[in-house]
Amino acid sequence: MQTIEKWKQFDDIQSENFCDVDDETRSDMEYIDLSLNIERFTGYSGVSTQRIWSAIYNENCFFLPESKLYYNLRQKRLNADKLCLEGRTFYRLISGLHSSISIHLCAQYFFPSVGGGYSGSDGRWGPNLDEFRRRFDPETTDGEGPGWLKNLYFIYLIELRAIYKARDYFHSQNYFTGNQTDDIHTKQLLTENLFQQIQPFANYFNENDLFKNGNEELKADFREHFRNISRIMDCVGCDKCKLWGKLQVQALGTSLKILFAESPIQLQRSEIVALINGFTQLSTSIYRLEHSFKTCLRNHIEL
């Protein structure tokens, strides 16, 4: 009976996941140093990326069939009146993630030398203001760009809220870096420095506004369609793009798990790694938006 109860507890935990979590004990698993493989422009673009993002946006389970709503990369308009609060939240999360990834690509853009390719040895890396304008300027996005950038702040606040909500869990954990001094320092950075800095903003989002009246079926639909997004990321044809895409989707999925789980918080190591690194990517996107790109749109938008 004790074994069966443990199985049930495991199944309950898995049922609350918003992403498929890979088994770290698999023999084909690889460990990647993220600091040596930063998120930046790789040359992966065109029809392939459009198909991936189209599939991701179309996972919004709250589209009403009779409204014939669909996703279009050039015109990401939704009729808000035909979407419930959960549907608008789903869309804004994906849009914010999309904006964050786009900002990283614009900030770390490769300018090849004449006749060169994307090897990194025959050109230079730097911010591409023209590419940023193409993706976000109101004049090139039918006025939608500023809204997409605001969604970046929305997803940032949700992940911030989740990290702060899990503060007791993080306080209770041991940290292993391979160096005892670094173990202590790492825990201090997270449980003291980070929590102290984000505490004033931790209540800007209230997860209790969603799935009211115990609507478990709606929550289950939300969860399953978000899981599909993590599976869609497996179809990305660029290894580095897939790496960062899956990590940031898992970071968001882990945040949603923390916010909406009924049982006590339990996270796997890969979920913690994804959450902290994903939140770092969002923070970096906002920093780059404020310090590198906002001036080029100052005459057009106000965030």
C-alpha atoms as a PDB file:
ATOM      1  CA  MET A   1       0.000   0.000   0.000  1.00  0.00           C
ATOM      2  CA  GLN A   2       2.868   2.362   0.775  1.00  0.00           C
ATOM      3  CA  THR A   3       4.316   1.788  -2.694  1.00  0.00           C
ATOM      4  CA  ILE A   4       0.945   2.427  -4.334  1.00  0.00           C
ATOM      5  CA  GLU A   5       0.577   5.651  -2.355  1.00  0.00           C
ATOM      6  CA  LYS A   6       3.993   6.806  -3.593  1.00  0.00           C
ATOM      7  CA  TRP A   7       2.940   6.018  -7.161  1.00  0.00           C
ATOM      8  CA  LYS A   8      -0.222   8.062  -6.653  1.00  0.00           C
ATOM      9  CA  GLN A   9       1.776  10.997  -5.263  1.00  0.00           C
ATOM     10  CA  PHE A  10       4.109  10.827  -8.262  1.00  0.00           C
ATOM     11  CA  ASP A  11       1.174  10.716 -10.693  1.00  0.00           C
ATOM     12  CA  ASP A  12      -0.479  13.666  -8.931  1.00  0.00           C
ATOM     13  CA  ILE A  13       2.697  15.723  -9.242  1.00  0.00           C
ATOM     14  CA  GLN A  14       3.096  14.842 -12.924  1.00  0.00           C
ATOM     15  CA  SER A  15      -0.525  15.767 -13.624  1.00  0.00           C
ATOM     16  CA  GLU A  16       0.169  19.305 -12.409  1.00  0.00           C
ATOM     17  CA  ASN A  17       3.089  19.810 -14.800  1.00  0.00           C
ATOM     18  CA  PHE A  18       2.609  22.327 -17.598  1.00  0.00           C
ATOM     19  CA  CYS A  19       5.569  20.848 -19.528  1.00  0.00           C
ATOM     20  CA  ASP A  20       6.965  17.418 -20.219  1.00  0.00           C
ATOM     21  CA  VAL A  21      10.025  17.070 -17.990  1.00  0.00           C
ATOM     22  CA  ASP A  22      12.842  14.994 -19.462  1.00  0.00           C
ATOM     23  CA  ASP A  23      14.367  12.161 -17.473  1.00  0.00           C
ATOM     24  CA  GLU A  24      17.885  13.289 -16.544  1.00  0.00           C
ATOM     25  CA  THR A  25      19.036   9.688 -16.091  1.00  0.00           C
ATOM     26  CA  ARG A  26      18.616   8.866 -19.781  1.00  0.00           C
ATOM     27  CA  SER A  27      21.846   7.750 -21.425  1.00  0.00           C
ATOM     28  CA  ASP A  28      21.405  10.123 -24.371  1.00  0.00           C
ATOM     29  CA  MET A  29      21.116  13.259 -22.232  1.00  0.00           C
ATOM     30  CA  GLU A  30      23.688  16.008 -22.790  1.00  0.00           C
ATOM     31  CA  TYR A  31      24.743  18.811 -20.442  1.00  0.00           C
ATOM     32  CA  ILE A  32      25.144  22.229 -22.067  1.00  0.00           C
ATOM     33  CA  ASP A  33      26.978  25.209 -20.582  1.00  0.00           C
ATOM     34  CA  LEU A  34      24.486  28.016 -21.224  1.00  0.00           C
ATOM     35  CA  SER A  35      27.126  30.682 -20.608  1.00  0.00           C
ATOM     36  CA  LEU A  36      29.038  29.372 -23.647  1.00  0.00           C
ATOM     37  CA  ASN A  37      25.927  29.074 -25.807  1.00  0.00           C
ATOM     38  CA  ILE A  38      24.134  32.383 -25.356  1.00  0.00           C
ATOM     39  CA  GLU A  39      20.834  33.130 -27.039  1.00  0.00           C
ATOM     40  CA  ARG A  40      21.455  35.137 -30.184  1.00  0.00           C
ATOM     41  CA  PHE A  41      20.746  35.307 -33.894  1.00  0.00           C
ATOM     42  CA  THR A  42      21.656  32.067 -35.685  1.00  0.00           C
ATOM     43  CA  GLY A  43      20.348  32.659 -39.187  1.00  0.00           C
ATOM     44  CA  TYR A  44      17.408  30.309 -38.531  1.00  0.00           C
ATOM     45  CA  SER A  45      14.439  32.152 -40.038  1.00  0.00           C
ATOM     46  CA  GLY A  46      11.918  32.114 -42.829  1.00  0.00           C
ATOM     47  CA  VAL A  47       9.108  29.623 -43.391  1.00  0.00           C
ATOM     48  CA  SER A  48      10.392  27.154 -40.776  1.00  0.00           C
ATOM     49  CA  THR A  49      10.205  29.637 -37.907  1.00  0.00           C
ATOM     50  CA  GLN A  50       6.834  30.924 -39.097  1.00  0.00           C
ATOM     51  CA  ARG A  51       5.410  27.407 -38.978  1.00  0.00           C
ATOM     52  CA  ILE A  52       6.707  26.889 -35.446  1.00  0.00           C
ATOM     53  CA  TRP A  53       5.247  30.142 -34.129  1.00  0.00           C
ATOM     54  CA  SER A  54       1.972  29.591 -36.003  1.00  0.00           C
ATOM     55  CA  ALA A  55       1.626  26.183 -34.355  1.00  0.00           C
ATOM     56  CA  ILE A  56       2.428  27.660 -30.942  1.00  0.00           C
ATOM     57  CA  TYR A  57      -0.092  30.497 -31.176  1.00  0.00           C
ATOM     58  CA  ASN A  58      -2.737  28.142 -32.502  1.00  0.00           C
ATOM     59  CA  GLU A  59      -2.424  26.061 -29.334  1.00  0.00           C
ATOM     60  CA  ASN A  60      -4.526  28.706 -27.607  1.00  0.00           C
ATOM     61  CA  CYS A  61      -7.342  26.382 -26.586  1.00  0.00           C
ATOM     62  CA  PHE A  62      -9.648  29.330 -25.973  1.00  0.00           C
ATOM     63  CA  PHE A  63     -10.194  30.203 -29.630  1.00  0.00           C
ATOM     64  CA  LEU A  64     -13.867  29.891 -30.413  1.00  0.00           C
ATOM     65  CA  PRO A  65     -14.433  27.704 -33.511  1.00  0.00           C
ATOM     66  CA  GLU A  66     -17.302  29.830 -34.780  1.00  0.00           C
ATOM     67  CA  SER A  67     -15.205  33.000 -34.636  1.00  0.00           C
ATOM     68  CA  LYS A  68     -12.723  31.612 -37.186  1.00  0.00           C
ATOM     69  CA  LEU A  69      -9.891  33.264 -35.330  1.00  0.00           C
ATOM     70  CA  TYR A  70      -6.443  32.278 -36.481  1.00  0.00           C
ATOM     71  CA  TYR A  71      -2.873  33.335 -35.977  1.00  0.00           C
ATOM     72  CA  ASN A  72      -0.977  35.316 -38.588  1.00  0.00           C
ATOM     73  CA  LEU A  73       2.637  36.398 -38.163  1.00  0.00           C
ATOM     74  CA  ARG A  74       1.961  39.748 -39.773  1.00  0.00           C
ATOM     75  CA  GLN A  75      -1.239  40.525 -37.903  1.00  0.00           C
ATOM     76  CA  LYS A  76      -1.401  39.113 -34.366  1.00  0.00           C
ATOM     77  CA  ARG A  77      -4.790  40.577 -33.581  1.00  0.00           C
ATOM     78  CA  LEU A  78      -7.236  38.856 -31.302  1.00  0.00           C
ATOM     79  CA  ASN A  79     -10.802  39.825 -30.714  1.00  0.00           C
ATOM     80  CA  ALA A  80     -10.597  40.244 -26.936  1.00  0.00           C
ATOM     81  CA  ASP A  81     -14.373  40.305 -26.617  1.00  0.00           C
ATOM     82  CA  LYS A  82     -14.506  36.706 -27.835  1.00  0.00           C
ATOM     83  CA  LEU A  83     -11.829  35.435 -25.453  1.00  0.00           C
ATOM     84  CA  CYS A  84     -12.191  34.775 -21.743  1.00  0.00           C
ATOM     85  CA  LEU A  85      -9.647  36.079 -19.237  1.00  0.00           C
ATOM     86  CA  GLU A  86      -7.766  32.774 -19.361  1.00  0.00           C
ATOM     87  CA  GLY A  87      -7.614  32.962 -23.154  1.00  0.00           C
ATOM     88  CA  ARG A  88      -6.207  36.477 -23.107  1.00  0.00           C
ATOM     89  CA  THR A  89      -3.685  35.397 -20.473  1.00  0.00           C
ATOM     90  CA  PHE A  90      -2.576  32.431 -22.584  1.00  0.00           C
ATOM     91  CA  TYR A  91      -2.088  34.693 -25.596  1.00  0.00           C
ATOM     92  CA  ARG A  92      -0.187  37.352 -23.662  1.00  0.00           C
ATOM     93  CA  LEU A  93       2.174  34.769 -22.190  1.00  0.00           C
ATOM     94  CA  ILE A  94       3.083  33.387 -25.604  1.00  0.00           C
ATOM     95  CA  SER A  95       3.326  36.873 -27.082  1.00  0.00           C
ATOM     96  CA  GLY A  96       5.594  38.002 -24.238  1.00  0.00           C
ATOM     97  CA  LEU A  97       7.834  34.981 -24.694  1.00  0.00           C
ATOM     98  CA  HIS A  98       7.962  35.650 -28.438  1.00  0.00           C
ATOM     99  CA  SER A  99       8.919  39.279 -27.791  1.00  0.00           C
ATOM    100  CA  SER A 100      11.677  38.291 -25.375  1.00  0.00           C
ATOM    101  CA  ILE A 101      13.212  35.852 -27.844  1.00  0.00           C
ATOM    102  CA  SER A 102      12.986  38.434 -30.630  1.00  0.00           C
ATOM    103  CA  ILE A 103      14.757  41.058 -28.518  1.00  0.00           C
ATOM    104  CA  HIS A 104      17.617  38.658 -27.780  1.00  0.00           C
ATOM    105  CA  LEU A 105      18.009  37.969 -31.495  1.00  0.00           C
ATOM    106  CA  CYS A 106      17.992  41.685 -32.302  1.00  0.00           C
ATOM    107  CA  ALA A 107      20.465  42.504 -29.525  1.00  0.00           C
ATOM    108  CA  GLN A 108      22.902  39.753 -30.507  1.00  0.00           C
ATOM    109  CA  TYR A 109      22.639  39.997 -34.281  1.00  0.00           C
ATOM    110  CA  PHE A 110      25.395  38.828 -36.604  1.00  0.00           C
ATOM    111  CA  PHE A 111      26.514  41.141 -39.385  1.00  0.00           C
ATOM    112  CA  PRO A 112      28.541  39.014 -41.813  1.00  0.00           C
ATOM    113  CA  SER A 113      31.319  40.506 -43.854  1.00  0.00           C
ATOM    114  CA  VAL A 114      30.741  40.828 -47.580  1.00  0.00           C
ATOM    115  CA  GLY A 115      30.340  37.336 -48.958  1.00  0.00           C
ATOM    116  CA  GLY A 116      30.527  35.806 -45.467  1.00  0.00           C
ATOM    117  CA  GLY A 117      28.145  33.486 -43.685  1.00  0.00           C
ATOM    118  CA  TYR A 118      27.085  32.948 -40.070  1.00  0.00           C
ATOM    119  CA  SER A 119      30.196  31.235 -38.765  1.00  0.00           C
ATOM    120  CA  GLY A 120      30.988  34.133 -36.431  1.00  0.00           C
ATOM    121  CA  SER A 121      34.544  34.434 -37.694  1.00  0.00           C
ATOM    122  CA  ASP A 122      33.943  36.657 -40.698  1.00  0.00           C
ATOM    123  CA  GLY A 123      31.778  39.441 -39.309  1.00  0.00           C
ATOM    124  CA  ARG A 124      30.673  41.155 -36.110  1.00  0.00           C
ATOM    125  CA  TRP A 125      27.978  40.793 -33.446  1.00  0.00           C
ATOM    126  CA  GLY A 126      25.881  43.686 -32.191  1.00  0.00           C
ATOM    127  CA  PRO A 127      22.395  45.210 -31.872  1.00  0.00           C
ATOM    128  CA  ASN A 128      20.379  45.522 -35.061  1.00  0.00           C
ATOM    129  CA  LEU A 129      18.069  48.517 -34.736  1.00  0.00           C
ATOM    130  CA  ASP A 130      16.552  48.013 -38.183  1.00  0.00           C
ATOM    131  CA  GLU A 131      15.570  44.446 -37.305  1.00  0.00           C
ATOM    132  CA  PHE A 132      14.069  45.636 -34.028  1.00  0.00           C
ATOM    133  CA  ARG A 133      12.002  48.261 -35.839  1.00  0.00           C
ATOM    134  CA  ARG A 134      10.826  45.668 -38.343  1.00  0.00           C
ATOM    135  CA  ARG A 135       9.573  43.456 -35.536  1.00  0.00           C
ATOM    136  CA  PHE A 136       8.092  46.061 -33.176  1.00  0.00           C
ATOM    137  CA  ASP A 137       7.665  49.503 -34.724  1.00  0.00           C
ATOM    138  CA  PRO A 138       3.977  50.505 -34.977  1.00  0.00           C
ATOM    139  CA  GLU A 139       4.502  51.463 -38.621  1.00  0.00           C
ATOM    140  CA  THR A 140       5.692  47.978 -39.592  1.00  0.00           C
ATOM    141  CA  THR A 141       3.340  45.967 -37.366  1.00  0.00           C
ATOM    142  CA  ASP A 142      -0.018  47.631 -38.040  1.00  0.00           C
ATOM    143  CA  GLY A 143       0.246  49.271 -34.630  1.00  0.00           C
ATOM    144  CA  GLU A 144       0.614  45.949 -32.792  1.00  0.00           C
ATOM    145  CA  GLY A 145       4.309  46.148 -31.819  1.00  0.00           C
ATOM    146  CA  PRO A 146       3.908  48.178 -28.598  1.00  0.00           C
ATOM    147  CA  GLY A 147       1.338  45.678 -27.334  1.00  0.00           C
ATOM    148  CA  TRP A 148       3.722  42.794 -27.917  1.00  0.00           C
ATOM    149  CA  LEU A 149       6.405  44.606 -25.933  1.00  0.00           C
ATOM    150  CA  LYS A 150       3.978  45.210 -23.067  1.00  0.00           C
ATOM    151  CA  ASN A 151       3.341  41.475 -23.003  1.00  0.00           C
ATOM    152  CA  LEU A 152       7.042  41.024 -22.225  1.00  0.00           C
ATOM    153  CA  TYR A 153       6.487  42.880 -18.946  1.00  0.00           C
ATOM    154  CA  PHE A 154       3.388  40.756 -18.325  1.00  0.00           C
ATOM    155  CA  ILE A 155       5.208  37.422 -18.550  1.00  0.00           C
ATOM    156  CA  TYR A 156       8.064  38.892 -16.497  1.00  0.00           C
ATOM    157  CA  LEU A 157       5.687  39.723 -13.646  1.00  0.00           C
ATOM    158  CA  ILE A 158       4.143  36.254 -13.763  1.00  0.00           C
ATOM    159  CA  GLU A 159       7.501  34.485 -13.496  1.00  0.00           C
ATOM    160  CA  LEU A 160       8.575  36.944 -10.795  1.00  0.00           C
ATOM    161  CA  ARG A 161       5.394  36.158  -8.878  1.00  0.00           C
ATOM    162  CA  ALA A 162       6.033  32.415  -9.167  1.00  0.00           C
ATOM    163  CA  ILE A 163       9.620  32.643  -7.938  1.00  0.00           C
ATOM    164  CA  TYR A 164       8.550  34.705  -4.942  1.00  0.00           C
ATOM    165  CA  LYS A 165       5.657  32.363  -4.176  1.00  0.00           C
ATOM    166  CA  ALA A 166       8.142  29.467  -4.058  1.00  0.00           C
ATOM    167  CA  ARG A 167      10.505  31.300  -1.692  1.00  0.00           C
ATOM    168  CA  ASP A 168       9.903  28.916   1.228  1.00  0.00           C
ATOM    169  CA  TYR A 169      10.650  25.985  -1.046  1.00  0.00           C
ATOM    170  CA  PHE A 170      13.917  27.546  -2.212  1.00  0.00           C
ATOM    171  CA  HIS A 171      14.886  28.355   1.374  1.00  0.00           C
ATOM    172  CA  SER A 172      14.478  24.686   2.301  1.00  0.00           C
ATOM    173  CA  GLN A 173      16.690  23.356  -0.487  1.00  0.00           C
ATOM    174  CA  ASN A 174      20.379  22.504  -0.505  1.00  0.00           C
ATOM    175  CA  TYR A 175      22.521  23.875  -3.317  1.00  0.00           C
ATOM    176  CA  PHE A 176      25.347  21.922  -4.927  1.00  0.00           C
ATOM    177  CA  THR A 177      27.848  23.634  -7.220  1.00  0.00           C
ATOM    178  CA  GLY A 178      30.851  21.441  -6.497  1.00  0.00           C
ATOM    179  CA  ASN A 179      32.336  24.054  -4.194  1.00  0.00           C
ATOM    180  CA  GLN A 180      31.110  24.531  -0.630  1.00  0.00           C
ATOM    181  CA  THR A 181      31.809  28.271  -0.622  1.00  0.00           C
ATOM    182  CA  ASP A 182      29.908  28.688  -3.886  1.00  0.00           C
ATOM    183  CA  ASP A 183      27.048  26.599  -2.465  1.00  0.00           C
ATOM    184  CA  ILE A 184      26.584  29.088   0.371  1.00  0.00           C
ATOM    185  CA  HIS A 185      26.980  32.097  -1.921  1.00  0.00           C
ATOM    186  CA  THR A 186      24.499  30.729  -4.475  1.00  0.00           C
ATOM    187  CA  LYS A 187      21.831  30.130  -1.843  1.00  0.00           C
ATOM    188  CA  GLN A 188      22.417  33.594  -0.397  1.00  0.00           C
ATOM    189  CA  LEU A 189      22.064  35.241  -3.812  1.00  0.00           C
ATOM    190  CA  LEU A 190      18.744  33.507  -4.400  1.00  0.00           C
ATOM    191  CA  THR A 191      17.113  33.407  -0.979  1.00  0.00           C
ATOM    192  CA  GLU A 192      18.280  36.801   0.277  1.00  0.00           C
ATOM    193  CA  ASN A 193      19.319  39.127  -2.525  1.00  0.00           C
ATOM    194  CA  LEU A 194      16.833  38.109  -5.216  1.00  0.00           C
ATOM    195  CA  PHE A 195      13.792  37.734  -2.972  1.00  0.00           C
ATOM    196  CA  GLN A 196      14.494  41.067  -1.324  1.00  0.00           C
ATOM    197  CA  GLN A 197      14.638  42.800  -4.706  1.00  0.00           C
ATOM    198  CA  ILE A 198      11.506  41.252  -6.201  1.00  0.00           C
ATOM    199  CA  GLN A 199       9.314  41.398  -3.075  1.00  0.00           C
ATOM    200  CA  PRO A 200       7.864  44.881  -3.832  1.00  0.00           C
ATOM    201  CA  PHE A 201       6.552  43.614  -7.187  1.00  0.00           C
ATOM    202  CA  ALA A 202       5.389  40.139  -6.167  1.00  0.00           C
ATOM    203  CA  ASN A 203       1.690  41.047  -5.921  1.00  0.00           C
ATOM    204  CA  TYR A 204       1.290  42.791  -9.267  1.00  0.00           C
ATOM    205  CA  PHE A 205      -0.233  39.579 -10.641  1.00  0.00           C
ATOM    206  CA  ASN A 206      -2.899  37.574  -8.818  1.00  0.00           C
ATOM    207  CA  GLU A 207      -3.284  34.011 -10.061  1.00  0.00           C
ATOM    208  CA  ASN A 208      -6.530  33.662  -8.097  1.00  0.00           C
ATOM    209  CA  ASP A 209      -8.263  35.779 -10.737  1.00  0.00           C
ATOM    210  CA  LEU A 210      -7.977  32.824 -13.128  1.00  0.00           C
ATOM    211  CA  PHE A 211      -9.948  29.561 -13.113  1.00  0.00           C
ATOM    212  CA  LYS A 212     -12.478  30.844 -10.623  1.00  0.00           C
ATOM    213  CA  ASN A 213     -15.333  28.718  -9.293  1.00  0.00           C
ATOM    214  CA  GLY A 214     -13.158  25.606  -9.366  1.00  0.00           C
ATOM    215  CA  ASN A 215     -13.178  25.266 -13.145  1.00  0.00           C
ATOM    216  CA  GLU A 216     -10.828  22.276 -13.253  1.00  0.00           C
ATOM    217  CA  GLU A 217     -11.760  21.338 -16.812  1.00  0.00           C
ATOM    218  CA  LEU A 218     -10.688  24.751 -18.081  1.00  0.00           C
ATOM    219  CA  LYS A 219      -7.438  24.528 -16.121  1.00  0.00           C
ATOM    220  CA  ALA A 220      -6.771  21.055 -17.517  1.00  0.00           C
ATOM    221  CA  ASP A 221      -7.290  22.347 -21.072  1.00  0.00           C
ATOM    222  CA  PHE A 222      -4.951  25.251 -20.393  1.00  0.00           C
ATOM    223  CA  ARG A 223      -2.318  22.867 -19.017  1.00  0.00           C
ATOM    224  CA  GLU A 224      -2.558  20.333 -21.840  1.00  0.00           C
ATOM    225  CA  HIS A 225      -2.324  22.909 -24.605  1.00  0.00           C
ATOM    226  CA  PHE A 226       0.667  24.486 -22.917  1.00  0.00           C
ATOM    227  CA  ARG A 227       2.291  21.041 -22.802  1.00  0.00           C
ATOM    228  CA  ASN A 228       1.797  20.844 -26.545  1.00  0.00           C
ATOM    229  CA  ILE A 229       3.875  23.999 -26.922  1.00  0.00           C
ATOM    230  CA  SER A 230       6.850  22.319 -25.262  1.00  0.00           C
ATOM    231  CA  ARG A 231       6.416  19.422 -27.693  1.00  0.00           C
ATOM    232  CA  ILE A 232       6.248  21.784 -30.664  1.00  0.00           C
ATOM    233  CA  MET A 233       9.652  23.134 -29.632  1.00  0.00           C
ATOM    234  CA  ASP A 234      11.091  19.690 -30.372  1.00  0.00           C
ATOM    235  CA  CYS A 235      10.371  20.394 -34.048  1.00  0.00           C
ATOM    236  CA  VAL A 236      12.683  23.427 -34.202  1.00  0.00           C
ATOM    237  CA  GLY A 237      15.381  22.751 -36.781  1.00  0.00           C
ATOM    238  CA  CYS A 238      18.136  24.790 -35.103  1.00  0.00           C
ATOM    239  CA  ASP A 239      19.770  23.133 -32.084  1.00  0.00           C
ATOM    240  CA  LYS A 240      20.640  26.360 -30.266  1.00  0.00           C
ATOM    241  CA  CYS A 241      17.189  27.813 -30.978  1.00  0.00           C
ATOM    242  CA  LYS A 242      15.610  24.608 -29.692  1.00  0.00           C
ATOM    243  CA  LEU A 243      17.775  24.715 -26.560  1.00  0.00           C
ATOM    244  CA  TRP A 244      16.739  28.241 -25.586  1.00  0.00           C
ATOM    245  CA  GLY A 245      13.159  27.814 -26.767  1.00  0.00           C
ATOM    246  CA  LYS A 246      12.570  24.679 -24.696  1.00  0.00           C
ATOM    247  CA  LEU A 247      14.317  26.192 -21.668  1.00  0.00           C
ATOM    248  CA  GLN A 248      12.165  29.322 -21.711  1.00  0.00           C
ATOM    249  CA  VAL A 249       8.948  27.409 -22.337  1.00  0.00           C
ATOM    250  CA  GLN A 250       9.821  25.147 -19.409  1.00  0.00           C
ATOM    251  CA  ALA A 251      10.560  28.215 -17.276  1.00  0.00           C
ATOM    252  CA  LEU A 252       7.080  29.537 -17.997  1.00  0.00           C
ATOM    253  CA  GLY A 253       5.558  26.098 -17.492  1.00  0.00           C
ATOM    254  CA  THR A 254       7.305  25.783 -14.128  1.00  0.00           C
ATOM    255  CA  SER A 255       5.973  29.211 -13.143  1.00  0.00           C
ATOM    256  CA  LEU A 256       2.431  28.159 -14.002  1.00  0.00           C
ATOM    257  CA  LYS A 257       2.898  24.919 -12.067  1.00  0.00           C
ATOM    258  CA  ILE A 258       3.952  26.883  -8.976  1.00  0.00           C
ATOM    259  CA  LEU A 259       1.059  29.316  -9.295  1.00  0.00           C
ATOM    260  CA  PHE A 260      -1.725  26.803  -9.936  1.00  0.00           C
ATOM    261  CA  ALA A 261      -0.651  23.538  -8.279  1.00  0.00           C
ATOM    262  CA  GLU A 262      -3.013  22.256  -5.614  1.00  0.00           C
ATOM    263  CA  SER A 263      -0.385  20.146  -3.832  1.00  0.00           C
ATOM    264  CA  PRO A 264       2.770  21.420  -2.085  1.00  0.00           C
ATOM    265  CA  ILE A 265       5.455  22.665  -4.454  1.00  0.00           C
ATOM    266  CA  GLN A 266       7.833  19.977  -5.672  1.00  0.00           C
ATOM    267  CA  LEU A 267      10.282  20.775  -8.453  1.00  0.00           C
ATOM    268  CA  GLN A 268      12.859  18.740 -10.291  1.00  0.00           C
ATOM    269  CA  ARG A 269      16.364  20.090 -10.745  1.00  0.00           C
ATOM    270  CA  SER A 270      15.773  20.753 -14.447  1.00  0.00           C
ATOM    271  CA  GLU A 271      12.671  22.809 -13.615  1.00  0.00           C
ATOM    272  CA  ILE A 272      14.629  24.979 -11.176  1.00  0.00           C
ATOM    273  CA  VAL A 273      17.434  25.485 -13.700  1.00  0.00           C
ATOM    274  CA  ALA A 274      14.912  26.422 -16.385  1.00  0.00           C
ATOM    275  CA  LEU A 275      12.976  28.786 -14.096  1.00  0.00           C
ATOM    276  CA  ILE A 276      16.003  30.783 -12.957  1.00  0.00           C
ATOM    277  CA  ASN A 277      17.602  30.951 -16.398  1.00  0.00           C
ATOM    278  CA  GLY A 278      14.292  31.726 -18.096  1.00  0.00           C
ATOM    279  CA  PHE A 279      13.633  34.582 -15.681  1.00  0.00           C
ATOM    280  CA  THR A 280      17.163  35.811 -16.373  1.00  0.00           C
ATOM    281  CA  GLN A 281      16.393  35.890 -20.097  1.00  0.00           C
ATOM    282  CA  LEU A 282      13.260  37.966 -19.504  1.00  0.00           C
ATOM    283  CA  SER A 283      15.175  40.343 -17.237  1.00  0.00           C
ATOM    284  CA  THR A 284      17.888  40.707 -19.867  1.00  0.00           C
ATOM    285  CA  SER A 285      15.292  41.369 -22.572  1.00  0.00           C
ATOM    286  CA  ILE A 286      13.769  44.184 -20.536  1.00  0.00           C
ATOM    287  CA  TYR A 287      17.208  45.635 -19.821  1.00  0.00           C
ATOM    288  CA  ARG A 288      18.082  45.604 -23.520  1.00  0.00           C
ATOM    289  CA  LEU A 289      14.728  47.081 -24.425  1.00  0.00           C
ATOM    290  CA  GLU A 290      15.209  49.936 -21.961  1.00  0.00           C
ATOM    291  CA  HIS A 291      18.882  50.609 -22.715  1.00  0.00           C
ATOM    292  CA  SER A 292      19.444  49.586 -26.337  1.00  0.00           C
ATOM    293  CA  PHE A 293      16.221  49.772 -28.309  1.00  0.00           C
ATOM    294  CA  LYS A 294      13.666  52.001 -26.631  1.00  0.00           C
ATOM    295  CA  THR A 295      15.270  55.188 -27.913  1.00  0.00           C
ATOM    296  CA  CYS A 296      14.755  54.129 -31.519  1.00  0.00           C
ATOM    297  CA  LEU A 297      10.990  53.953 -30.887  1.00  0.00           C
ATOM    298  CA  ARG A 298      10.700  56.840 -28.437  1.00  0.00           C
ATOM    299  CA  ASN A 299       8.785  58.972 -30.901  1.00  0.00           C
ATOM    300  CA  HIS A 300       6.267  56.208 -31.530  1.00  0.00           C
ATOM    301  CA  ILE A 301       5.487  54.347 -28.315  1.00  0.00           C
ATOM    302  CA  GLU A 302       5.317  54.714 -24.597  1.00  0.00           C
ATOM    303  CA  LEU A 303       5.809  51.644 -22.400  1.00  0.00           C
END
